[in-house]
Amino acid sequence: MMSIRNMLLGALVVVIVVLLTDAIFTVHETERALVLRFGEVTQVDLDPGLHFKLPIADDAKKFDGRIQTLDSPPERYFTLEKKPLMVDSFVKWRVSDVQTFYETTSGGDQTRAELLLKQRVNEGLRNQISRRDMHEVISGERDQLMADLTQQLNNEMRRDVGVDVIDVRVKQIDLPPEVSSAVYDRMTSEREIEAQQYRATGRELHLGIRADADRQVVVLEAEAYREAEQIRGDGDAGAAAIYAEAYGADPEFYEFYRSINAYVSVFSQKGDLLIVDPNSEFFKYLNTGDG
């Protein structure tokens, strides 16, 4: 009898402990939580800390309240001028309305939430890029595009899914592989044409500089020759004037001096031979002792 009583008391204690354990739960600061009673939401947005619920009847659902990152694979979009672009983007988001999040994601399935967010991001990027040309998407209005898309997605996802879209960013924008090769070939051709133009301009400048240098050489040589001839003429004139002045002062001595210099020049070598009439004027001062 005592044994059965002890067993009942033990079983009762176990049931009480189980019920107390099921009735107490904790919400951390990084979590968002709600309480369901037989599947119906009764409490939402519970504060961090210790909470109580009815055992068995109530069920506490907790979700990660921190900022999440959805990194989407590159997708193809078309610009206003129908040019394809491969856009690689990511989204920062977090749960804001825990009840809406729970009801629209099949019980708070994060994978379901990310799938819905991915679809909205793709649709939003497609709409935003299709209204802009390639320059605006890549550099001109890229920041404005991201700001507009973030605001639009945040309003839609908060209303429909219960999450806040904090930021949408584009990591990289590339041309599709089938377009990149054609674009690179065209860029190479354009650079080659530009290089040829620079070379042609360089050759033209080279020929112009060389022609100008050749012209300056001819001009300098002509001016130098003219100046040399002028100096030579002035020298000859000066010498002739000096000779004339000297000859006019003493013609006899000047004639004698010229004859002596002629003898020195003619008979400078021992083997020199000169056949001249002895009565020639050349030997005038050798045939007479008057000098």
Foldseek 3Di string as FASTA:
>chain_A
DVVVVVVVVVVVVVVVVVQVVQFKDFDAPQKWKFKDFQRHTDGGRDDGGMGGDGPPRMDMDIDGFDKDKAWDAWDWAAALVRAIKTWTKMWIKGAAGVVLQCVQQVRNDVVSLSVVLVVLLVVLVNVLRNDHHPCCCPPVVVVVSFVVSQVVSQVVCCVRNRMGTPGMDTPDMGHPPVVVVVVVVVVVVVVVVVVVVVVVVVVVVVVVVVVVVVVVVVVVVVVVVVVVVVVVVVVVVVVVVVLVVVCVVPVVVSVVVVLVVVVCVQPVDPPHDDDDDPPDPSCVCVVDVPD
